[in-house]
Amino acid sequence: MAKIDKIKETLNTLRVLLSLSIGLILGLSAKVSDLYDKNMFDLRFYLSLIAINFLVLVILYIAKKIKVNTDNIEKE
């Protein structure tokens, strides 16, 4: 497999992970909103908020990796 094919495969994998992370954030945001409306500030509420913040950091990391891999394709 050529080096450019490996980079493209890595980019596709990162894009899938990015989509999954965004989907998880949307789902967790809906759950936090539901718990907030019900005034249920329990462990699930706070863990969901922590998870959303963690996923935002994951998205930033994935975006950085996508940029690096895109730059590598331009060099090839």
PDB file of N, CA and C in Angstrom:
ATOM      1  N   MET A   1       0.849  -1.170   0.000  1.00  0.00           N
ATOM      2  CA  MET A   1       0.000   0.000   0.000  1.00  0.00           C
ATOM      3  C   MET A   1       0.902   1.243   0.000  1.00  0.00           C
ATOM      4  N   ALA A   2       0.577   2.167  -0.840  1.00  0.00           N
ATOM      5  CA  ALA A   2       1.359   3.394  -0.940  1.00  0.00           C
ATOM      6  C   ALA A   2       1.132   4.272   0.290  1.00  0.00           C
ATOM      7  N   LYS A   3       2.084   5.148   0.533  1.00  0.00           N
ATOM      8  CA  LYS A   3       2.007   6.019   1.703  1.00  0.00           C
ATOM      9  C   LYS A   3       0.778   6.913   1.645  1.00  0.00           C
ATOM     10  N   ILE A   4       0.450   7.397   0.466  1.00  0.00           N
ATOM     11  CA  ILE A   4      -0.712   8.281   0.331  1.00  0.00           C
ATOM     12  C   ILE A   4      -2.012   7.536   0.631  1.00  0.00           C
ATOM     13  N   ASP A   5      -2.065   6.246   0.289  1.00  0.00           N
ATOM     14  CA  ASP A   5      -3.259   5.458   0.593  1.00  0.00           C
ATOM     15  C   ASP A   5      -3.431   5.284   2.101  1.00  0.00           C
ATOM     16  N   LYS A   6      -2.317   5.095   2.810  1.00  0.00           N
ATOM     17  CA  LYS A   6      -2.392   4.989   4.270  1.00  0.00           C
ATOM     18  C   LYS A   6      -2.880   6.290   4.886  1.00  0.00           C
ATOM     19  N   ILE A   7      -2.402   7.402   4.367  1.00  0.00           N
ATOM     20  CA  ILE A   7      -2.831   8.706   4.886  1.00  0.00           C
ATOM     21  C   ILE A   7      -4.315   8.913   4.617  1.00  0.00           C
ATOM     22  N   LYS A   8      -4.775   8.546   3.434  1.00  0.00           N
ATOM     23  CA  LYS A   8      -6.204   8.694   3.109  1.00  0.00           C
ATOM     24  C   LYS A   8      -7.059   7.802   4.002  1.00  0.00           C
ATOM     25  N   GLU A   9      -6.595   6.592   4.281  1.00  0.00           N
ATOM     26  CA  GLU A   9      -7.341   5.685   5.156  1.00  0.00           C
ATOM     27  C   GLU A   9      -7.405   6.252   6.577  1.00  0.00           C
ATOM     28  N   THR A  10      -6.313   6.833   7.032  1.00  0.00           N
ATOM     29  CA  THR A  10      -6.299   7.468   8.349  1.00  0.00           C
ATOM     30  C   THR A  10      -7.274   8.639   8.383  1.00  0.00           C
ATOM     31  N   LEU A  11      -7.307   9.420   7.320  1.00  0.00           N
ATOM     32  CA  LEU A  11      -8.253  10.544   7.250  1.00  0.00           C
ATOM     33  C   LEU A  11      -9.693  10.063   7.312  1.00  0.00           C
ATOM     34  N   ASN A  12     -10.005   8.995   6.601  1.00  0.00           N
ATOM     35  CA  ASN A  12     -11.371   8.463   6.638  1.00  0.00           C
ATOM     36  C   ASN A  12     -11.740   7.994   8.046  1.00  0.00           C
ATOM     37  N   THR A  13     -10.815   7.329   8.705  1.00  0.00           N
ATOM     38  CA  THR A  13     -11.067   6.868  10.071  1.00  0.00           C
ATOM     39  C   THR A  13     -11.277   8.043  11.018  1.00  0.00           C
ATOM     40  N   LEU A  14     -10.456   9.080  10.874  1.00  0.00           N
ATOM     41  CA  LEU A  14     -10.615  10.258  11.720  1.00  0.00           C
ATOM     42  C   LEU A  14     -11.944  10.958  11.469  1.00  0.00           C
ATOM     43  N   ARG A  15     -12.380  10.981  10.241  1.00  0.00           N
ATOM     44  CA  ARG A  15     -13.674  11.613   9.929  1.00  0.00           C
ATOM     45  C   ARG A  15     -14.830  10.833  10.552  1.00  0.00           C
ATOM     46  N   VAL A  16     -14.725   9.510  10.560  1.00  0.00           N
ATOM     47  CA  VAL A  16     -15.758   8.694  11.210  1.00  0.00           C
ATOM     48  C   VAL A  16     -15.767   8.961  12.709  1.00  0.00           C
ATOM     49  N   LEU A  17     -14.585   9.020  13.317  1.00  0.00           N
ATOM     50  CA  LEU A  17     -14.511   9.321  14.745  1.00  0.00           C
ATOM     51  C   LEU A  17     -15.060  10.706  15.050  1.00  0.00           C
ATOM     52  N   LEU A  18     -14.815  11.651  14.175  1.00  0.00           N
ATOM     53  CA  LEU A  18     -15.351  12.995  14.349  1.00  0.00           C
ATOM     54  C   LEU A  18     -16.877  12.972  14.319  1.00  0.00           C
ATOM     55  N   SER A  19     -17.434  12.235  13.382  1.00  0.00           N
ATOM     56  CA  SER A  19     -18.898  12.133  13.288  1.00  0.00           C
ATOM     57  C   SER A  19     -19.485  11.474  14.529  1.00  0.00           C
ATOM     58  N   LEU A  20     -18.836  10.412  15.010  1.00  0.00           N
ATOM     59  CA  LEU A  20     -19.328   9.740  16.216  1.00  0.00           C
ATOM     60  C   LEU A  20     -19.246  10.653  17.439  1.00  0.00           C
ATOM     61  N   SER A  21     -18.183  11.415  17.532  1.00  0.00           N
ATOM     62  CA  SER A  21     -18.035  12.335  18.669  1.00  0.00           C
ATOM     63  C   SER A  21     -19.124  13.396  18.658  1.00  0.00           C
ATOM     64  N   ILE A  22     -19.407  13.925  17.497  1.00  0.00           N
ATOM     65  CA  ILE A  22     -20.463  14.941  17.390  1.00  0.00           C
ATOM     66  C   ILE A  22     -21.824  14.338  17.724  1.00  0.00           C
ATOM     67  N   GLY A  23     -22.064  13.126  17.262  1.00  0.00           N
ATOM     68  CA  GLY A  23     -23.312  12.441  17.592  1.00  0.00           C
ATOM     69  C   GLY A  23     -23.462  12.205  19.088  1.00  0.00           C
ATOM     70  N   LEU A  24     -22.362  11.811  19.734  1.00  0.00           N
ATOM     71  CA  LEU A  24     -22.403  11.617  21.184  1.00  0.00           C
ATOM     72  C   LEU A  24     -22.676  12.928  21.917  1.00  0.00           C
ATOM     73  N   ILE A  25     -22.073  14.007  21.448  1.00  0.00           N
ATOM     74  CA  ILE A  25     -22.327  15.312  22.078  1.00  0.00           C
ATOM     75  C   ILE A  25     -23.795  15.696  21.943  1.00  0.00           C
ATOM     76  N   LEU A  26     -24.365  15.465  20.772  1.00  0.00           N
ATOM     77  CA  LEU A  26     -25.783  15.794  20.590  1.00  0.00           C
ATOM     78  C   LEU A  26     -26.669  14.968  21.517  1.00  0.00           C
ATOM     79  N   GLY A  27     -26.380  13.684  21.628  1.00  0.00           N
ATOM     80  CA  GLY A  27     -27.166  12.820  22.506  1.00  0.00           C
ATOM     81  C   GLY A  27     -27.028  13.207  23.969  1.00  0.00           C
ATOM     82  N   LEU A  28     -25.799  13.474  24.383  1.00  0.00           N
ATOM     83  CA  LEU A  28     -25.586  13.873  25.772  1.00  0.00           C
ATOM     84  C   LEU A  28     -26.212  15.240  26.073  1.00  0.00           C
ATOM     85  N   SER A  29     -26.172  16.138  25.103  1.00  0.00           N
ATOM     86  CA  SER A  29     -26.793  17.451  25.293  1.00  0.00           C
ATOM     87  C   SER A  29     -28.299  17.320  25.470  1.00  0.00           C
ATOM     88  N   ALA A  30     -28.899  16.422  24.716  1.00  0.00           N
ATOM     89  CA  ALA A  30     -30.341  16.194  24.864  1.00  0.00           C
ATOM     90  C   ALA A  30     -30.653  15.632  26.246  1.00  0.00           C
ATOM     91  N   LYS A  31     -29.805  14.722  26.733  1.00  0.00           N
ATOM     92  CA  LYS A  31     -30.020  14.143  28.062  1.00  0.00           C
ATOM     93  C   LYS A  31     -29.835  15.196  29.152  1.00  0.00           C
ATOM     94  N   VAL A  32     -28.821  16.039  29.023  1.00  0.00           N
ATOM     95  CA  VAL A  32     -28.598  17.101  30.009  1.00  0.00           C
ATOM     96  C   VAL A  32     -29.787  18.054  30.019  1.00  0.00           C
ATOM     97  N   SER A  33     -30.275  18.399  28.845  1.00  0.00           N
ATOM     98  CA  SER A  33     -31.431  19.289  28.755  1.00  0.00           C
ATOM     99  C   SER A  33     -32.655  18.661  29.411  1.00  0.00           C
ATOM    100  N   ASP A  34     -32.855  17.383  29.187  1.00  0.00           N
ATOM    101  CA  ASP A  34     -33.990  16.683  29.782  1.00  0.00           C
ATOM    102  C   ASP A  34     -33.869  16.650  31.308  1.00  0.00           C
ATOM    103  N   LEU A  35     -32.679  16.326  31.788  1.00  0.00           N
ATOM    104  CA  LEU A  35     -32.476  16.290  33.236  1.00  0.00           C
ATOM    105  C   LEU A  35     -32.622  17.681  33.854  1.00  0.00           C
ATOM    106  N   TYR A  36     -32.179  18.699  33.147  1.00  0.00           N
ATOM    107  CA  TYR A  36     -32.303  20.071  33.643  1.00  0.00           C
ATOM    108  C   TYR A  36     -33.775  20.476  33.745  1.00  0.00           C
ATOM    109  N   ASP A  37     -34.568  20.110  32.719  1.00  0.00           N
ATOM    110  CA  ASP A  37     -35.994  20.446  32.749  1.00  0.00           C
ATOM    111  C   ASP A  37     -36.716  19.764  33.909  1.00  0.00           C
ATOM    112  N   LYS A  38     -36.246  18.572  34.270  1.00  0.00           N
ATOM    113  CA  LYS A  38     -36.873  17.825  35.363  1.00  0.00           C
ATOM    114  C   LYS A  38     -36.277  18.171  36.728  1.00  0.00           C
ATOM    115  N   ASN A  39     -35.340  19.128  36.749  1.00  0.00           N
ATOM    116  CA  ASN A  39     -34.647  19.509  37.991  1.00  0.00           C
ATOM    117  C   ASN A  39     -34.011  18.313  38.684  1.00  0.00           C
ATOM    118  N   MET A  40     -33.426  17.441  37.889  1.00  0.00           N
ATOM    119  CA  MET A  40     -32.742  16.260  38.426  1.00  0.00           C
ATOM    120  C   MET A  40     -31.240  16.459  38.270  1.00  0.00           C
ATOM    121  N   PHE A  41     -30.647  17.087  39.247  1.00  0.00           N
ATOM    122  CA  PHE A  41     -29.211  17.357  39.213  1.00  0.00           C
ATOM    123  C   PHE A  41     -28.483  16.249  39.971  1.00  0.00           C
ATOM    124  N   ASP A  42     -28.493  15.079  39.381  1.00  0.00           N
ATOM    125  CA  ASP A  42     -27.864  13.934  40.014  1.00  0.00           C
ATOM    126  C   ASP A  42     -26.532  13.616  39.327  1.00  0.00           C
ATOM    127  N   LEU A  43     -26.007  12.463  39.607  1.00  0.00           N
ATOM    128  CA  LEU A  43     -24.703  12.065  39.084  1.00  0.00           C
ATOM    129  C   LEU A  43     -24.695  12.010  37.562  1.00  0.00           C
ATOM    130  N   ARG A  44     -25.794  11.523  36.964  1.00  0.00           N
ATOM    131  CA  ARG A  44     -25.862  11.445  35.499  1.00  0.00           C
ATOM    132  C   ARG A  44     -25.748  12.820  34.856  1.00  0.00           C
ATOM    133  N   PHE A  45     -26.349  13.807  35.461  1.00  0.00           N
ATOM    134  CA  PHE A  45     -26.297  15.168  34.933  1.00  0.00           C
ATOM    135  C   PHE A  45     -24.855  15.672  34.889  1.00  0.00           C
ATOM    136  N   TYR A  46     -24.156  15.535  35.997  1.00  0.00           N
ATOM    137  CA  TYR A  46     -22.789  16.049  36.067  1.00  0.00           C
ATOM    138  C   TYR A  46     -21.815  15.209  35.230  1.00  0.00           C
ATOM    139  N   LEU A  47     -22.011  13.910  35.197  1.00  0.00           N
ATOM    140  CA  LEU A  47     -21.156  13.076  34.349  1.00  0.00           C
ATOM    141  C   LEU A  47     -21.367  13.393  32.869  1.00  0.00           C
ATOM    142  N   SER A  48     -22.592  13.698  32.502  1.00  0.00           N
ATOM    143  CA  SER A  48     -22.872  14.069  31.111  1.00  0.00           C
ATOM    144  C   SER A  48     -22.190  15.387  30.753  1.00  0.00           C
ATOM    145  N   LEU A  49     -22.203  16.338  31.667  1.00  0.00           N
ATOM    146  CA  LEU A  49     -21.524  17.605  31.415  1.00  0.00           C
ATOM    147  C   LEU A  49     -20.012  17.407  31.265  1.00  0.00           C
ATOM    148  N   ILE A  50     -19.450  16.558  32.106  1.00  0.00           N
ATOM    149  CA  ILE A  50     -18.025  16.266  32.013  1.00  0.00           C
ATOM    150  C   ILE A  50     -17.709  15.565  30.695  1.00  0.00           C
ATOM    151  N   ALA A  51     -18.568  14.626  30.311  1.00  0.00           N
ATOM    152  CA  ALA A  51     -18.356  13.902  29.059  1.00  0.00           C
ATOM    153  C   ALA A  51     -18.441  14.829  27.850  1.00  0.00           C
ATOM    154  N   ILE A  52     -19.353  15.782  27.878  1.00  0.00           N
ATOM    155  CA  ILE A  52     -19.475  16.735  26.771  1.00  0.00           C
ATOM    156  C   ILE A  52     -18.197  17.555  26.650  1.00  0.00           C
ATOM    157  N   ASN A  53     -17.682  18.027  27.775  1.00  0.00           N
ATOM    158  CA  ASN A  53     -16.436  18.804  27.748  1.00  0.00           C
ATOM    159  C   ASN A  53     -15.271  17.959  27.240  1.00  0.00           C
ATOM    160  N   PHE A  54     -15.215  16.705  27.662  1.00  0.00           N
ATOM    161  CA  PHE A  54     -14.158  15.812  27.194  1.00  0.00           C
ATOM    162  C   PHE A  54     -14.279  15.585  25.687  1.00  0.00           C
ATOM    163  N   LEU A  55     -15.484  15.390  25.196  1.00  0.00           N
ATOM    164  CA  LEU A  55     -15.684  15.156  23.764  1.00  0.00           C
ATOM    165  C   LEU A  55     -15.334  16.382  22.929  1.00  0.00           C
ATOM    166  N   VAL A  56     -15.537  17.563  23.477  1.00  0.00           N
ATOM    167  CA  VAL A  56     -15.121  18.775  22.764  1.00  0.00           C
ATOM    168  C   VAL A  56     -13.598  18.771  22.593  1.00  0.00           C
ATOM    169  N   LEU A  57     -12.883  18.362  23.630  1.00  0.00           N
ATOM    170  CA  LEU A  57     -11.428  18.262  23.521  1.00  0.00           C
ATOM    171  C   LEU A  57     -11.018  17.190  22.514  1.00  0.00           C
ATOM    172  N   VAL A  58     -11.746  16.092  22.495  1.00  0.00           N
ATOM    173  CA  VAL A  58     -11.470  15.024  21.525  1.00  0.00           C
ATOM    174  C   VAL A  58     -11.679  15.532  20.103  1.00  0.00           C
ATOM    175  N   ILE A  59     -12.725  16.308  19.893  1.00  0.00           N
ATOM    176  CA  ILE A  59     -12.993  16.862  18.562  1.00  0.00           C
ATOM    177  C   ILE A  59     -11.869  17.794  18.133  1.00  0.00           C
ATOM    178  N   LEU A  60     -11.385  18.610  19.053  1.00  0.00           N
ATOM    179  CA  LEU A  60     -10.268  19.496  18.721  1.00  0.00           C
ATOM    180  C   LEU A  60      -9.023  18.700  18.350  1.00  0.00           C
ATOM    181  N   TYR A  61      -8.762  17.621  19.073  1.00  0.00           N
ATOM    182  CA  TYR A  61      -7.613  16.764  18.774  1.00  0.00           C
ATOM    183  C   TYR A  61      -7.771  16.100  17.406  1.00  0.00           C
ATOM    184  N   ILE A  62      -8.959  15.592  17.121  1.00  0.00           N
ATOM    185  CA  ILE A  62      -9.203  14.949  15.828  1.00  0.00           C
ATOM    186  C   ILE A  62      -9.060  15.953  14.694  1.00  0.00           C
ATOM    187  N   ALA A  63      -9.565  17.160  14.893  1.00  0.00           N
ATOM    188  CA  ALA A  63      -9.445  18.190  13.857  1.00  0.00           C
ATOM    189  C   ALA A  63      -7.977  18.513  13.587  1.00  0.00           C
ATOM    190  N   LYS A  64      -7.174  18.550  14.634  1.00  0.00           N
ATOM    191  CA  LYS A  64      -5.747  18.814  14.459  1.00  0.00           C
ATOM    192  C   LYS A  64      -5.090  17.676  13.675  1.00  0.00           C
ATOM    193  N   LYS A  65      -5.439  16.435  13.993  1.00  0.00           N
ATOM    194  CA  LYS A  65      -4.880  15.290  13.276  1.00  0.00           C
ATOM    195  C   LYS A  65      -5.306  15.284  11.810  1.00  0.00           C
ATOM    196  N   ILE A  66      -6.545  15.684  11.546  1.00  0.00           N
ATOM    197  CA  ILE A  66      -7.020  15.754  10.159  1.00  0.00           C
ATOM    198  C   ILE A  66      -6.212  16.796   9.401  1.00  0.00           C
ATOM    199  N   LYS A  67      -5.949  17.934  10.036  1.00  0.00           N
ATOM    200  CA  LYS A  67      -5.159  18.972   9.372  1.00  0.00           C
ATOM    201  C   LYS A  67      -3.743  18.485   9.071  1.00  0.00           C
ATOM    202  N   VAL A  68      -3.133  17.798  10.012  1.00  0.00           N
ATOM    203  CA  VAL A  68      -1.778  17.274   9.796  1.00  0.00           C
ATOM    204  C   VAL A  68      -1.763  16.283   8.641  1.00  0.00           C
ATOM    205  N   ASN A  69      -2.739  15.390   8.608  1.00  0.00           N
ATOM    206  CA  ASN A  69      -2.793  14.396   7.539  1.00  0.00           C
ATOM    207  C   ASN A  69      -3.105  15.035   6.193  1.00  0.00           C
ATOM    208  N   THR A  70      -3.924  16.067   6.202  1.00  0.00           N
ATOM    209  CA  THR A  70      -4.218  16.780   4.947  1.00  0.00           C
ATOM    210  C   THR A  70      -2.965  17.468   4.432  1.00  0.00           C
ATOM    211  N   ASP A  71      -2.194  18.045   5.342  1.00  0.00           N
ATOM    212  CA  ASP A  71      -0.925  18.664   4.941  1.00  0.00           C
ATOM    213  C   ASP A  71       0.043  17.620   4.384  1.00  0.00           C
ATOM    214  N   ASN A  72       0.019  16.415   4.961  1.00  0.00           N
ATOM    215  CA  ASN A  72       0.889  15.349   4.451  1.00  0.00           C
ATOM    216  C   ASN A  72       0.495  14.928   3.041  1.00  0.00           C
ATOM    217  N   ILE A  73      -0.787  14.953   2.727  1.00  0.00           N
ATOM    218  CA  ILE A  73      -1.233  14.612   1.383  1.00  0.00           C
ATOM    219  C   ILE A  73      -0.730  15.656   0.397  1.00  0.00           C
ATOM    220  N   GLU A  74      -0.771  16.924   0.799  1.00  0.00           N
ATOM    221  CA  GLU A  74      -0.302  17.989  -0.092  1.00  0.00           C
ATOM    222  C   GLU A  74       1.188  17.852  -0.379  1.00  0.00           C
ATOM    223  N   LYS A  75       1.948  17.323   0.577  1.00  0.00           N
ATOM    224  CA  LYS A  75       3.382  17.140   0.369  1.00  0.00           C
ATOM    225  C   LYS A  75       3.691  15.972  -0.555  1.00  0.00           C
ATOM    226  N   GLU A  76       2.771  15.011  -0.636  1.00  0.00           N
ATOM    227  CA  GLU A  76       3.000  13.821  -1.477  1.00  0.00           C
ATOM    228  C   GLU A  76       2.891  14.114  -2.930  1.00  0.00           C
TER     229      GLU A  76
END
